[in-house]
Protein backbone atom coordinates (compact mmCIF):
# COMPACT_ATOMS: atom_id res chain seq x y z
CA MET A 1 125.18 99.86 70.02
CA PRO A 2 124.25 96.76 68.05
CA GLU A 3 123.61 97.00 64.51
CA ASN A 4 120.78 94.63 64.27
CA GLY A 5 117.12 94.00 66.47
CA ILE A 6 115.31 96.20 68.44
CA LEU A 7 117.04 98.97 70.51
CA TYR A 8 115.82 100.05 73.60
CA LEU A 9 116.89 102.92 75.86
CA LEU A 10 116.18 102.72 79.30
CA GLY A 11 117.17 105.05 81.85
CA THR A 12 116.53 108.62 83.12
CA ILE A 13 118.15 111.73 82.14
CA ASP A 14 120.16 111.63 85.39
CA THR A 15 121.84 107.84 84.41
CA HIS A 16 121.80 108.00 80.85
CA GLN A 17 123.62 110.12 78.17
CA LYS A 18 121.63 109.38 75.11
CA ILE A 19 118.10 109.87 76.73
CA ALA A 20 119.46 113.01 78.51
CA GLN A 21 120.70 114.20 74.48
CA LEU A 22 116.92 112.98 73.19
CA ALA A 23 115.17 115.31 76.17
CA ASP A 24 117.60 118.58 75.07
CA SER A 25 116.90 118.09 71.46
CA ARG A 26 112.96 117.72 72.36
CA LYS A 27 112.52 114.47 70.45
CA ILE A 28 111.02 113.34 73.37
CA SER A 29 109.01 114.94 76.32
CA LEU A 30 111.12 114.27 79.56
CA SER A 31 112.67 116.12 82.60
CA ASN A 32 112.63 115.82 86.27
CA GLU A 33 109.47 117.65 86.24
CA ASN A 34 107.45 116.25 83.47
CA PRO A 35 105.85 114.21 83.99
CA GLY A 36 107.43 114.28 87.47
CA PRO A 37 108.36 111.75 90.47
CA ARG A 38 107.58 107.82 89.63
CA GLY A 39 106.62 109.23 86.10
CA GLY A 40 107.56 108.00 82.95
CA ILE A 41 107.31 107.31 79.26
CA TRP A 42 107.24 105.57 76.51
CA ALA A 43 108.75 106.85 72.89
CA GLN A 44 109.97 105.88 69.46
CA ALA A 45 112.46 108.28 69.00
CA THR A 46 114.75 108.02 65.55
CA LEU A 47 119.13 108.52 66.78
CA GLU A 48 121.74 111.08 64.92
CA ASN A 49 122.30 107.80 62.67
CA GLY A 50 119.14 107.84 61.62
CA ARG A 51 118.54 104.32 63.56
CA LYS A 52 114.86 103.85 65.32
CA ALA A 53 115.08 103.03 69.46
CA ILE A 54 112.38 102.19 71.52
CA VAL A 55 113.07 104.55 74.68
CA LEU A 56 111.27 103.88 78.61
CA ALA A 57 112.28 106.35 80.65
CA GLY A 58 111.42 108.36 83.90
CA SER A 59 111.38 111.21 85.65
CA ASP A 60 113.62 109.23 88.39
CA VAL A 61 114.11 105.69 89.00
CA GLN A 62 110.71 104.60 89.80
CA GLY A 63 109.20 106.09 87.19
CA LEU A 64 112.02 104.17 84.88
CA GLN A 65 110.56 101.01 86.89
CA TYR A 66 106.73 101.85 86.21
CA ALA A 67 107.72 102.52 82.32
CA ILE A 68 109.68 98.97 81.93
CA TYR A 69 107.10 97.46 84.17
CA ASP A 70 103.85 98.95 81.92
CA TYR A 71 105.29 97.83 78.53
CA SER A 72 106.38 94.76 79.59
CA SER A 73 102.39 93.76 80.92
CA GLU A 74 100.76 96.12 77.92
CA VAL A 75 102.91 95.73 75.05
CA LEU A 76 104.80 91.85 75.85
CA GLY A 77 101.92 90.33 77.56
CA ILE A 78 104.34 89.70 80.82
CA ASP A 79 101.32 89.34 83.71
CA PRO A 80 102.83 91.29 86.84
CA LEU A 81 101.39 88.71 88.64
CA GLU A 82 102.59 85.77 86.95
CA TYR A 83 104.21 83.34 89.54
CA TRP A 84 100.64 83.51 91.29
CA THR A 85 98.54 82.93 88.32
CA GLY A 86 100.58 80.75 86.10
CA LYS A 87 99.71 83.10 83.08
CA THR A 88 102.34 83.21 80.90
CA ALA A 89 102.99 85.32 77.63
CA ASN A 90 102.73 84.67 74.11
CA MET A 91 105.65 84.84 71.69
CA VAL A 92 105.51 88.79 70.20
CA SER A 93 107.30 89.32 66.90
CA ASP A 94 109.58 92.24 66.24
CA ASN A 95 107.23 94.57 64.74
CA ASP A 96 104.42 93.61 67.68
CA LEU A 97 107.51 96.14 69.78
CA LEU A 98 106.68 98.64 67.82
CA VAL A 99 102.56 98.87 68.17
CA PHE A 100 102.36 101.69 70.76
CA GLU A 101 101.73 105.29 70.73
CA ASN A 102 104.21 107.67 72.46
CA ARG A 103 102.84 107.69 75.76
CA SER A 104 103.52 109.79 79.41
CA ILE A 105 102.75 107.67 81.96
CA ALA A 106 101.43 110.47 85.01
CA PRO A 107 102.67 109.60 88.77
CA PRO A 108 100.54 107.82 90.82
CA GLU A 109 97.75 110.06 92.46
CA ILE A 110 98.50 108.66 95.97
CA PRO A 111 101.94 108.72 96.77
CA ILE A 112 102.29 105.55 98.77
CA LEU A 113 100.74 102.94 98.31
CA CYS A 114 101.89 100.46 101.06
CA TYR A 115 101.23 96.56 101.08
CA PHE A 116 100.51 95.67 104.65
CA GLU A 117 101.78 91.88 105.48
CA ASN A 118 99.01 90.34 108.16
CA ASP A 119 97.62 87.36 108.99
CA VAL A 120 99.66 85.97 106.56
CA ASP A 121 99.75 82.08 107.97
CA GLU A 122 99.03 79.62 104.93
CA LEU A 123 101.35 81.95 102.89
CA ALA A 124 103.89 81.69 105.67
CA ASN A 125 103.38 78.05 106.31
CA TYR A 126 102.35 76.27 103.34
CA ARG A 127 106.24 75.30 102.55
CA GLY A 128 106.62 73.52 105.97
CA LYS A 129 108.49 76.27 107.72
CA LEU A 130 105.70 77.60 110.09
CA LEU A 131 105.24 81.11 110.39
CA GLU A 132 108.12 82.10 108.26
CA TYR A 133 108.32 83.11 104.66
CA ASP A 134 110.27 80.96 102.28
CA TRP A 135 112.84 83.34 100.46
CA GLU A 136 111.23 82.55 97.27
CA THR A 137 107.46 83.08 98.17
CA TYR A 138 108.45 86.58 99.73
CA THR A 139 110.70 87.80 97.12
CA GLU A 140 108.00 86.85 94.56
CA MET A 141 105.33 89.00 96.13
CA ILE A 142 107.64 91.93 96.31
CA ASN A 143 108.40 91.78 92.67
CA SER A 144 104.50 91.19 91.70
CA LEU A 145 103.57 93.91 94.27
CA VAL A 146 106.28 96.86 93.06
CA ARG A 147 105.08 95.80 89.37
CA LEU A 148 101.26 96.27 90.18
CA LYS A 149 102.79 99.86 92.04
CA TYR A 150 102.62 99.31 95.35
CA ASN A 151 105.89 101.40 96.67
CA ALA A 152 106.12 100.35 100.50
CA ILE A 153 104.86 97.62 102.51
CA GLN A 154 104.61 97.05 106.45
CA LEU A 155 106.22 94.35 107.54
CA PHE A 156 103.87 92.77 110.79
CA ASP A 157 103.93 89.07 110.80
CA MET A 158 107.28 88.57 110.23
CA LEU A 159 108.22 90.59 113.30
CA GLY A 160 107.18 88.06 115.31
CA ARG A 161 103.69 89.18 116.45
CA PRO A 162 102.40 88.51 120.20
CA GLU A 163 100.12 85.78 118.90
CA PHE A 164 103.13 83.35 117.56
CA PHE A 165 104.03 83.21 120.71
CA LEU A 166 101.55 84.03 123.66
CA ARG A 167 98.30 82.18 122.01
CA GLU A 168 97.67 78.70 122.85
CA ALA A 169 96.98 77.61 119.34
CA TYR A 170 100.40 79.08 118.03
CA GLN A 171 101.99 77.19 120.85
CA LYS A 172 100.80 74.07 119.81
CA LEU A 173 101.52 74.33 116.25
CA LYS A 174 105.11 75.84 116.70
CA PRO A 175 106.43 75.66 120.15
CA ASP A 176 109.81 76.64 119.60
CA TYR A 177 109.13 80.17 117.89
CA ASP A 178 111.56 82.69 117.38
CA ILE A 179 112.81 85.37 114.88
CA ASP A 180 115.81 85.20 112.91
CA ILE A 181 116.82 88.43 113.40
CA LYS A 182 119.31 88.56 109.90
CA TYR A 183 116.67 86.92 107.66
CA ILE A 184 114.37 90.09 108.92
CA GLU A 185 116.69 91.95 107.67
CA LYS A 186 117.12 90.70 104.68
CA LEU A 187 113.46 91.05 103.94
CA ILE A 188 114.20 94.84 104.30
CA ASP A 189 117.00 94.98 102.51
CA TYR A 190 115.27 93.15 99.71
CA ALA A 191 112.41 95.53 99.19
CA HIS A 192 114.46 98.51 99.66
CA LEU A 193 116.09 96.72 96.48
CA LYS A 194 113.19 96.75 94.64
CA GLY A 195 112.88 100.13 94.98
CA MET A 196 109.54 99.76 98.23
CA LYS A 197 109.82 101.82 101.30
CA VAL A 198 109.77 99.76 104.44
CA GLN A 199 106.87 100.36 106.94
CA ILE A 200 107.13 99.34 110.57
CA ASP A 201 104.17 99.82 113.37
CA MET A 202 105.85 100.69 115.95
CA SER A 203 103.64 98.89 118.73
CA LEU A 204 105.30 97.01 121.80
CA GLY A 205 104.30 93.36 121.37
CA TYR A 206 106.69 91.89 118.99
CA LYS A 207 108.89 88.82 119.76
CA LEU A 208 112.12 91.70 118.88
CA TYR A 209 111.25 93.43 122.34
CA GLN A 210 108.09 93.41 124.10
CA LEU A 211 106.23 94.90 127.05
CA ASN A 212 104.12 92.86 129.35
CA GLU A 213 100.28 93.72 129.17
CA ASN A 214 100.46 95.62 132.08
CA GLU A 215 103.26 97.87 130.96
CA ALA A 216 101.76 98.64 127.69
CA SER A 217 97.96 99.72 129.45
CA CYS A 218 99.91 102.77 132.02
CA TRP A 219 101.47 105.15 129.94
CA LYS A 220 102.43 107.52 132.94
CA GLU A 221 104.00 104.61 135.02
CA ASN A 222 105.91 103.29 131.96
CA LYS A 223 106.55 106.54 129.43
CA GLU A 224 110.71 105.53 130.20
CA LYS A 225 109.97 101.45 128.95
CA TRP A 226 107.65 102.41 126.01
CA ILE A 227 110.57 104.99 124.83
CA GLU A 228 113.19 102.24 125.76
CA ALA A 229 111.41 100.03 123.45
CA TRP A 230 111.26 102.43 120.68
CA THR A 231 114.67 103.17 121.06
CA TYR A 232 115.90 99.40 121.03
CA TYR A 233 113.89 98.93 117.54
CA LEU A 234 115.90 101.59 116.07
CA GLU A 235 118.94 101.14 117.60
CA LYS A 236 119.20 97.75 118.09
CA THR A 237 117.48 96.35 115.41
CA PRO A 238 116.98 96.40 111.52
CA VAL A 239 113.40 98.40 112.29
CA GLY A 240 116.10 101.56 112.21
CA LYS A 241 116.68 101.27 108.40
CA CYS A 242 112.84 101.64 107.55
CA ASP A 243 111.74 104.60 105.87
CA ILE A 244 107.95 104.66 107.70
CA PHE A 245 107.16 104.77 110.91
CA SER A 246 103.29 103.94 112.37
CA LEU A 247 101.73 103.79 115.17
CA ARG A 248 97.78 103.62 116.63
CA PRO A 249 96.37 105.26 119.60
CA ARG A 250 95.66 101.36 120.97
CA ASN A 251 96.64 99.03 123.32
CA GLN A 252 100.26 98.63 122.38
CA VAL A 253 100.47 94.81 122.82
CA TRP A 254 97.05 93.28 121.23
CA ASP A 255 95.19 94.70 118.83
CA TRP A 256 92.24 96.32 120.88
CA GLU A 257 91.23 99.19 122.57
CA TYR A 258 93.22 101.17 124.57
CA LYS A 259 92.29 100.80 128.05
CA SER A 260 94.18 102.44 130.80
CA THR A 261 94.93 100.05 133.99
CA CYS A 262 95.98 103.88 136.05
CA GLY A 263 93.05 105.52 135.46
CA GLU A 264 94.62 107.72 132.56
CA ASP A 265 92.36 109.95 130.34
CA LYS A 266 92.71 107.95 126.56
CA THR A 267 92.66 111.21 125.11
CA GLU A 268 95.57 112.67 127.02
CA VAL A 269 98.08 109.83 127.14
CA PHE A 270 98.16 109.91 123.51
CA ASN A 271 98.20 113.22 123.08
CA GLU A 272 101.56 112.98 124.92
CA VAL A 273 102.30 109.59 123.29
CA TYR A 274 102.67 110.67 119.64
CA ALA A 275 104.86 113.83 120.47
CA GLU A 276 106.96 111.63 122.53
CA PHE A 277 106.84 109.36 119.50
CA GLY A 278 107.24 111.85 117.00
CA LYS A 279 110.37 113.65 118.41
CA LEU A 280 111.95 110.04 118.60
CA ILE A 281 111.20 109.44 115.34
CA ASP A 282 113.09 112.98 114.04
CA ARG A 283 115.90 112.43 115.62
CA HIS A 284 115.83 109.44 114.59
CA ASN A 285 115.40 109.73 110.62
CA PRO A 286 114.21 113.26 110.00
CA ASP A 287 113.05 111.96 106.51
CA ALA A 288 111.09 109.50 107.63
CA VAL A 289 107.22 109.28 107.04
CA LYS A 290 105.20 109.52 110.32
CA VAL A 291 101.43 107.23 110.24
CA LEU A 292 99.28 107.01 112.26
CA ILE A 293 96.55 104.70 112.17
CA CYS A 294 93.06 104.89 113.06
CA TYR A 295 90.71 102.28 113.94
CA HIS A 296 87.43 102.95 115.66
CA ASP A 297 88.36 103.70 118.61
CA GLY A 298 91.66 106.29 117.59
CA MET A 299 88.60 107.85 114.95
CA GLU A 300 86.26 108.34 117.99
CA ILE A 301 89.24 110.48 120.06
CA PHE A 302 90.48 111.95 116.82
CA ASN A 303 87.09 113.82 116.53
CA LYS A 304 87.29 115.31 119.75
CA ASP A 305 90.50 116.29 121.08
CA PHE A 306 93.15 113.68 120.27
CA ASN A 307 95.64 115.89 118.32
CA PRO A 308 98.98 114.33 117.07
CA PRO A 309 101.48 116.75 115.62
CA LYS A 310 100.61 117.67 112.04
CA ASP A 311 103.41 116.35 110.61
CA PHE A 312 101.67 113.13 110.94
CA ILE A 313 99.31 111.72 108.22
CA VAL A 314 96.09 110.18 109.36
CA ALA A 315 95.06 107.10 107.98
CA TRP A 316 91.47 106.33 108.34
CA SER A 317 90.55 102.40 108.66
CA ASP A 318 87.88 100.64 107.35
CA ASN A 319 85.75 98.25 109.15
CA GLY A 320 87.37 94.88 107.27
CA TRP A 321 84.33 95.32 104.68
CA LEU A 322 85.37 98.61 102.93
CA GLY A 323 82.62 100.44 105.76
CA PHE A 324 83.55 103.32 108.26
CA GLU A 325 82.76 102.78 111.84
CA TYR A 326 83.16 106.56 112.09
CA LEU A 327 83.64 109.20 109.45
CA PRO A 328 86.03 112.23 109.95
CA GLU A 329 84.07 115.48 111.05
CA SER A 330 87.14 117.21 110.35
CA THR A 331 90.31 116.48 108.90
CA LYS A 332 91.54 119.11 110.92
CA GLY A 333 94.36 120.25 108.56
CA TYR A 334 96.30 116.96 108.50
CA ASN A 335 97.23 115.15 105.54
CA PHE A 336 94.57 112.38 104.99
CA GLY A 337 94.84 108.84 103.18
CA THR A 338 93.19 105.21 104.22
CA TYR A 339 93.91 101.82 105.64
CA MET A 340 91.63 99.44 103.39
CA HIS A 341 91.07 95.86 103.22
CA ALA A 342 91.60 93.71 100.26
CA GLY A 343 90.71 91.00 102.81
CA PHE A 344 90.18 90.80 106.31
CA TRP A 345 90.76 88.16 108.97
CA ARG A 346 86.64 87.62 109.09
CA ASN A 347 87.00 85.97 105.50
CA HIS A 348 90.75 85.08 105.00
CA THR A 349 90.50 81.69 103.73
CA VAL A 350 87.97 83.00 100.85
CA PRO A 351 87.93 86.31 99.20
CA ASP A 352 85.33 88.38 99.00
CA PRO A 353 86.05 90.34 95.03
CA CYS A 354 84.31 93.70 95.50
CA PRO A 355 86.06 96.35 92.67
CA GLU A 356 82.67 97.83 92.46
CA LEU A 357 82.68 98.88 95.95
CA ILE A 358 86.20 99.79 96.20
CA ASP A 359 85.43 102.19 93.69
CA GLU A 360 82.72 103.71 95.48
CA THR A 361 84.34 103.67 98.64
CA MET A 362 87.75 105.14 97.90
CA THR A 363 86.09 107.80 95.60
CA HIS A 364 83.44 109.18 98.30
CA PHE A 365 86.21 109.10 100.54
CA ILE A 366 88.65 111.00 98.56
CA ASP A 367 86.87 113.23 97.24
CA THR A 368 85.43 114.06 100.53
CA TYR A 369 87.74 113.93 102.63
CA GLY A 370 90.85 114.64 100.57
CA ALA A 371 92.79 111.30 101.46
CA ASN A 372 94.51 110.69 98.88
CA LYS A 373 98.36 111.23 100.30
CA TYR A 374 98.54 107.64 101.65
CA LEU A 375 96.61 104.00 100.95
CA GLN A 376 97.62 101.08 103.18
CA VAL A 377 95.82 97.89 101.94
CA ASN A 378 95.63 94.69 104.04
CA GLY A 379 96.08 91.60 101.77
CA GLN A 380 96.15 88.55 103.73
CA THR A 381 97.50 85.83 102.42
CA PHE A 382 98.14 87.89 99.38
CA ARG A 383 97.47 85.08 96.20
CA LEU A 384 93.76 84.92 97.11
CA PHE A 385 93.35 88.43 96.86
CA ILE A 386 95.14 89.77 93.84
CA LEU A 387 91.49 90.80 92.02
CA ASN A 388 91.20 93.69 95.03
CA ILE A 389 94.74 94.29 95.55
CA THR A 390 95.18 94.56 91.70
CA ALA A 391 92.05 96.98 92.05
CA PHE A 392 93.18 99.18 94.71
CA SER A 393 96.58 99.49 92.94
CA LYS A 394 94.71 101.27 90.00
CA VAL A 395 92.83 103.54 92.61
CA ALA A 396 95.91 104.55 93.63
CA GLN A 397 97.17 105.58 90.17
CA SER A 398 94.25 107.45 89.22
CA TYR A 399 90.74 107.23 91.26
CA LYS A 400 88.59 109.66 89.07
CA ASP A 401 89.51 106.83 86.20
CA PHE A 402 88.95 103.87 87.81
CA ASP A 403 85.93 102.06 87.27
CA GLY A 404 85.07 99.19 89.33
CA GLU A 405 82.82 97.50 86.42
CA ASP A 406 84.83 98.06 83.90
CA PHE A 407 87.90 96.58 85.82
CA TYR A 408 85.78 93.68 86.60
CA ARG A 409 85.51 92.56 82.72
CA LYS A 410 89.16 93.34 81.91
CA TRP A 411 90.56 91.52 84.46
CA THR A 412 88.16 88.61 83.47
CA ARG A 413 88.63 88.96 80.36
CA TYR A 414 92.58 88.89 81.01
CA TYR A 415 92.64 85.97 82.63
CA PHE A 416 89.78 83.69 81.60
CA GLY A 417 89.24 85.07 77.82
CA GLU A 418 85.96 86.50 77.15
CA ASP A 419 83.14 84.32 76.70
CA ALA A 420 83.70 82.90 80.68
CA ALA A 421 84.49 86.57 81.28
CA GLU A 422 80.73 87.78 81.84
CA TYR A 423 80.36 83.63 84.26
CA VAL A 424 83.18 84.76 86.40
CA VAL A 425 81.74 87.92 86.93
CA SER A 426 78.44 86.84 88.13
CA ALA A 427 80.40 84.05 90.10
CA TYR A 428 82.43 86.61 91.81
CA LYS A 429 79.53 89.02 92.59
CA HIS A 430 77.73 85.77 93.78
CA LEU A 431 80.64 85.31 96.45
CA HIS A 432 80.49 88.90 97.29
CA GLN A 433 76.67 88.56 97.85
CA ALA A 434 76.89 85.72 99.75
CA GLN A 435 79.38 87.49 102.32
CA LEU A 436 76.44 89.80 103.40
CA ASN A 437 75.90 90.81 106.98
CA GLU A 438 79.85 90.32 107.16
CA ASP A 439 79.71 86.97 107.67
CA GLY A 440 82.95 85.58 105.50
CA TYR A 441 84.45 82.14 105.59
CA VAL A 442 86.25 82.26 109.01
CA GLU A 443 83.25 84.00 110.52
CA ILE A 444 81.05 81.19 109.48
CA LEU A 445 83.63 79.19 111.54
CA TYR A 446 82.60 81.04 114.32
CA ARG A 447 78.70 79.95 114.05
CA ILE A 448 79.81 76.13 113.81
CA LYS A 449 81.40 75.97 116.68
CA MET A 450 78.86 77.54 118.64
CA TYR A 451 76.85 75.07 116.98
CA HIS A 452 79.22 72.25 118.36
CA GLN A 453 78.97 74.19 121.84
CA HIS A 454 75.68 73.73 122.16
CA LEU A 455 75.19 70.89 120.74
CA LYS A 456 77.20 69.00 123.11
CA THR A 457 75.03 70.15 126.03
CA ASP A 458 71.17 68.88 126.20
CA ALA A 459 70.20 72.87 126.42
CA LEU A 460 66.75 73.77 124.94
CA ILE A 461 67.11 76.67 121.49
CA GLU A 462 65.80 79.19 124.21
CA ASN A 463 67.90 78.55 126.94
CA SER A 464 70.98 78.03 124.73
CA GLU A 465 73.64 81.22 124.73
CA SER A 466 75.71 79.17 122.32
CA TYR A 467 72.93 78.42 120.13
CA GLN A 468 71.82 81.97 119.65
CA ARG A 469 75.18 82.83 118.93
CA ALA A 470 75.26 80.70 116.05
CA PHE A 471 71.87 81.53 114.31
CA SER A 472 71.55 83.43 111.21
CA GLU A 473 68.67 84.50 110.41
CA ASP A 474 69.97 84.65 106.51
CA LEU A 475 71.50 81.67 106.39
CA ASN A 476 69.26 80.75 103.48
CA GLN A 477 68.92 83.47 101.64
CA ARG A 478 73.07 83.28 101.62
CA MET A 479 72.89 79.47 100.50
CA ALA A 480 70.81 80.56 97.51
CA ILE A 481 72.99 83.33 96.62
CA ILE A 482 76.28 80.18 96.73
CA ASP A 483 73.98 78.32 94.97
CA SER A 484 73.60 80.47 91.98
CA ALA A 485 77.41 81.52 92.44
CA TRP A 486 78.04 78.12 91.58
CA GLU A 487 76.06 77.67 88.64
CA PHE A 488 78.40 81.16 87.16
CA VAL A 489 81.33 79.04 87.83
CA GLU A 490 80.22 75.57 86.25
CA LYS A 491 79.09 77.81 83.35
CA GLY A 492 82.37 79.76 83.36
CA LYS A 493 84.22 76.61 83.50
CA GLU A 494 83.03 75.34 80.03
CA LEU A 495 84.21 78.49 78.88
CA ASP A 496 87.63 79.37 80.18
CA LYS A 497 89.88 80.17 77.38
CA SER A 498 92.85 79.88 79.70
CA LYS A 499 92.54 75.51 80.58
CA ALA A 500 94.78 76.00 83.42
CA TYR A 501 94.91 75.97 87.13
CA PHE A 502 94.14 78.76 87.76
CA TYR A 503 90.23 79.15 87.16
CA HIS A 504 90.00 76.07 89.71
CA ASP A 505 92.22 77.47 92.03
CA GLN A 506 90.71 81.29 91.77
CA VAL A 507 87.55 81.01 90.92
CA GLU A 508 85.84 77.27 91.42
CA LEU A 509 87.79 76.43 94.45
CA PRO A 510 86.52 79.59 96.69
CA VAL A 511 83.02 79.13 95.81
CA LEU A 512 82.91 75.55 96.88
CA LEU A 513 84.89 75.84 100.52
CA ILE A 514 82.24 78.60 101.53
CA ARG A 515 79.01 76.99 99.65
CA GLN A 516 80.56 73.55 101.77
CA LEU A 517 80.78 75.31 104.69
CA LEU A 518 77.34 76.50 104.34
CA ASN A 519 76.19 73.56 103.73
CA TYR A 520 77.60 72.05 106.99
CA GLN A 521 76.54 74.96 109.22
CA PHE A 522 73.02 74.46 108.18
CA GLU A 523 72.64 70.93 108.65
CA LEU A 524 73.98 71.75 112.39
CA GLN A 525 71.07 73.94 112.61
CA ASN A 526 68.70 71.36 111.27
CA VAL A 527 70.29 69.42 114.04
CA SER A 528 69.38 71.65 116.58
CA LEU A 529 65.67 72.19 115.52
CA ALA A 530 64.96 68.25 115.10
CA ARG A 531 66.76 67.82 118.80
CA ASP A 532 64.64 70.76 119.88
CA ARG A 533 61.28 69.16 118.67
CA TYR A 534 61.95 66.34 120.43
CA GLN A 535 62.64 67.58 123.73
CA LYS A 536 59.89 69.41 123.27
CA THR A 537 57.31 67.07 122.05
CA GLY A 538 59.32 63.36 122.56
CA ASN A 539 58.44 62.10 119.64
CA LYS A 540 60.80 59.29 118.56
CA LEU A 541 60.44 60.54 114.58
CA ASP A 542 62.46 63.83 115.46
CA LYS A 543 65.21 62.37 117.98
CA GLN A 544 65.60 59.82 114.70
CA ASP A 545 65.57 62.86 112.68
CA ALA A 546 68.31 64.85 114.46
CA LEU A 547 70.08 61.76 114.92
CA GLU A 548 70.47 60.84 110.91
CA LYS A 549 71.11 64.87 110.56
CA ILE A 550 73.82 64.23 112.23
CA ASP A 551 75.33 61.55 110.59
CA ASN A 552 74.74 63.43 107.29
CA ALA A 553 76.43 66.54 108.86
CA ARG A 554 79.39 64.07 109.63
CA MET A 555 79.73 63.44 105.57
CA LEU A 556 79.37 67.27 104.51
CA LEU A 557 81.91 67.87 107.46
CA GLU A 558 84.35 64.94 105.48
CA GLU A 559 83.71 65.95 102.15
CA HIS A 560 84.81 69.60 103.02
CA ILE A 561 88.02 68.30 104.45
CA ALA A 562 88.66 66.56 101.86
CA THR A 563 88.20 69.46 99.48
CA ARG A 564 91.00 71.49 101.73
CA MET A 565 93.17 68.46 101.53
CA ARG A 566 93.15 68.40 97.85
CA GLY A 567 93.28 72.19 97.48
CA ASP A 568 94.88 73.67 94.47
CA MET A 569 95.23 72.08 91.32
CA ASN A 570 98.35 73.94 90.86
CA PRO A 571 100.71 71.47 92.43
CA LYS A 572 102.70 75.09 93.53
CA TRP A 573 100.42 75.54 96.79
CA LYS A 574 99.97 71.90 97.79
CA ASN A 575 99.36 71.72 101.50
CA TRP A 576 97.92 75.80 101.04
CA TYR A 577 94.64 74.76 102.93
CA ASN A 578 95.25 71.80 105.16
CA PRO A 579 93.63 72.53 108.30
CA ALA A 580 96.47 71.64 110.57
CA ILE A 581 98.60 75.00 109.35
CA ARG A 582 95.55 77.27 108.73
CA ARG A 583 95.19 80.70 110.41
CA PRO A 584 93.63 79.46 113.94
CA ASN A 585 90.82 82.29 114.46
CA ASN A 586 87.35 80.48 115.24
CA GLY A 587 88.67 77.14 115.58
CA PHE A 588 87.69 74.52 113.08
CA PRO A 589 85.35 71.78 113.54
CA GLU A 590 86.85 68.15 114.20
CA LEU A 591 85.08 65.11 113.43
CA GLU A 592 85.48 63.74 116.76
CA ASP A 593 82.86 66.59 118.08
CA LEU A 594 79.90 65.19 116.17
CA LEU A 595 80.48 61.66 117.51
CA GLU A 596 79.94 63.49 121.14
CA ILE A 597 77.40 65.39 119.73
CA LYS A 598 75.55 62.05 118.98
CA ASN A 599 76.19 60.57 121.92
CA VAL A 600 74.47 63.68 123.70
CA ALA A 601 71.36 63.32 121.10
CA GLU A 602 71.25 59.26 121.90
CA GLU A 603 71.21 59.69 125.72
CA LEU A 604 67.64 62.68 125.37
């Protein structure tokens, strides 16, 4: 051992003789059972030679891992998310390294905390290799997740989800799309290397091996094909190396309700499907974890006569906004968990920060249904959703100790300083409120698309289905809320102690993007109303008003596109918001549309 400097002992009682001796002599309190699997300790201990040592140890390797990461964060000041936030640690003295009390770190209360890599387009696209992570991005995401104590990841997009090669928008984006089996195996191996389990949903539409839609919609006539596909995954692809296997009682190609094309009863189908699937997984890997992910249609039949084998964990899904369309009438004796959204496809581009709602929802669901055996978190493009992703990690550690409001204060103080924190919290709370009635950035794009469709015709408002879909009764309220958010953003910006890119990229830019889009939506609504007045009265002033508002809408859209193209201040994320590589859900407004809209208005 070195004679000078700070001495660290890192390990478990099974891997480090000195740590085992300290435990045997009761100089540290550690065993395989105390604090238990995934638990660890920090301690200062005196060795036989009188020298002091800092002991960071675990009941198992993962407990050691967490002890080291917690110490690195809390004592050394290393941000677990440094790659994404740009927050660097300050220099610490040797004395600072010893300023802590001995600590026992309890294992997380939820034993499986699984990150779901889903809807990752911008994260996979921004560096140029479309629909596939570059190695640095993926490994840094895994590293950060492990530091946050996520111990599993579900790979989905990287397996070749069906949209990537069947949907027109993706065919235009990457007409030669394919997957790299060796690269998928590399992704799995790296997650395993970092101590994570890997989960795979065994749906049947992946580029890996896919059934067609007809085969996936009739179990009784295609049972052998379903089993053949699952077997192929397990025996012929890297999926066989995975640890957790999930299945949804839904359509097995597309993410929608199962509607049999051959007259089957859905409940009977999935009782048989899960029995066969369970036996197949048991033969392949008796130690594998099996998970039933219940969306609203699965919940409905679970509350009736759908009863998979009892060794499946039942994960109840929120509706994307931390609410539930159905609640369990009974857990039926199953181990229960949840599938929750830190982000959702309908907000995707702009986050919906809501740690207080996470606190309220998770506490109620765990207390009521004992749903603490599994937690899956959908993080969309990861970096924009890190506040909610971190909040869920704290819930999994100890949901009773998690306080959403307290978390908000600590998180914002850590990144932006005491003075700016209250303004950031207020800005975030208003950003959350501005997405009321589940209208996030991508849902606003849908309303805009409907306005464009309406305004390309000469239909009156009352005769236009597109206008009815576009119209939002609460638009004025939402705009007032986002204007208030912007005021808080500007106040916090003046006080931000970090003086780094992160305030702009994580606070200012998201609020600006949704504010600009709401303003554009509002102007399209004004165009529609002015044009409608002209069509009904013939007043040329109304027609002129509509034409002027179209020109104004064009300026608003140009401004929004320019904001997206400028994007983040941190050059690391250059090209992230480029509309050409965005996730294509609900489209994106084009300036050419406004020329057509203006031509229609002029010809009225």
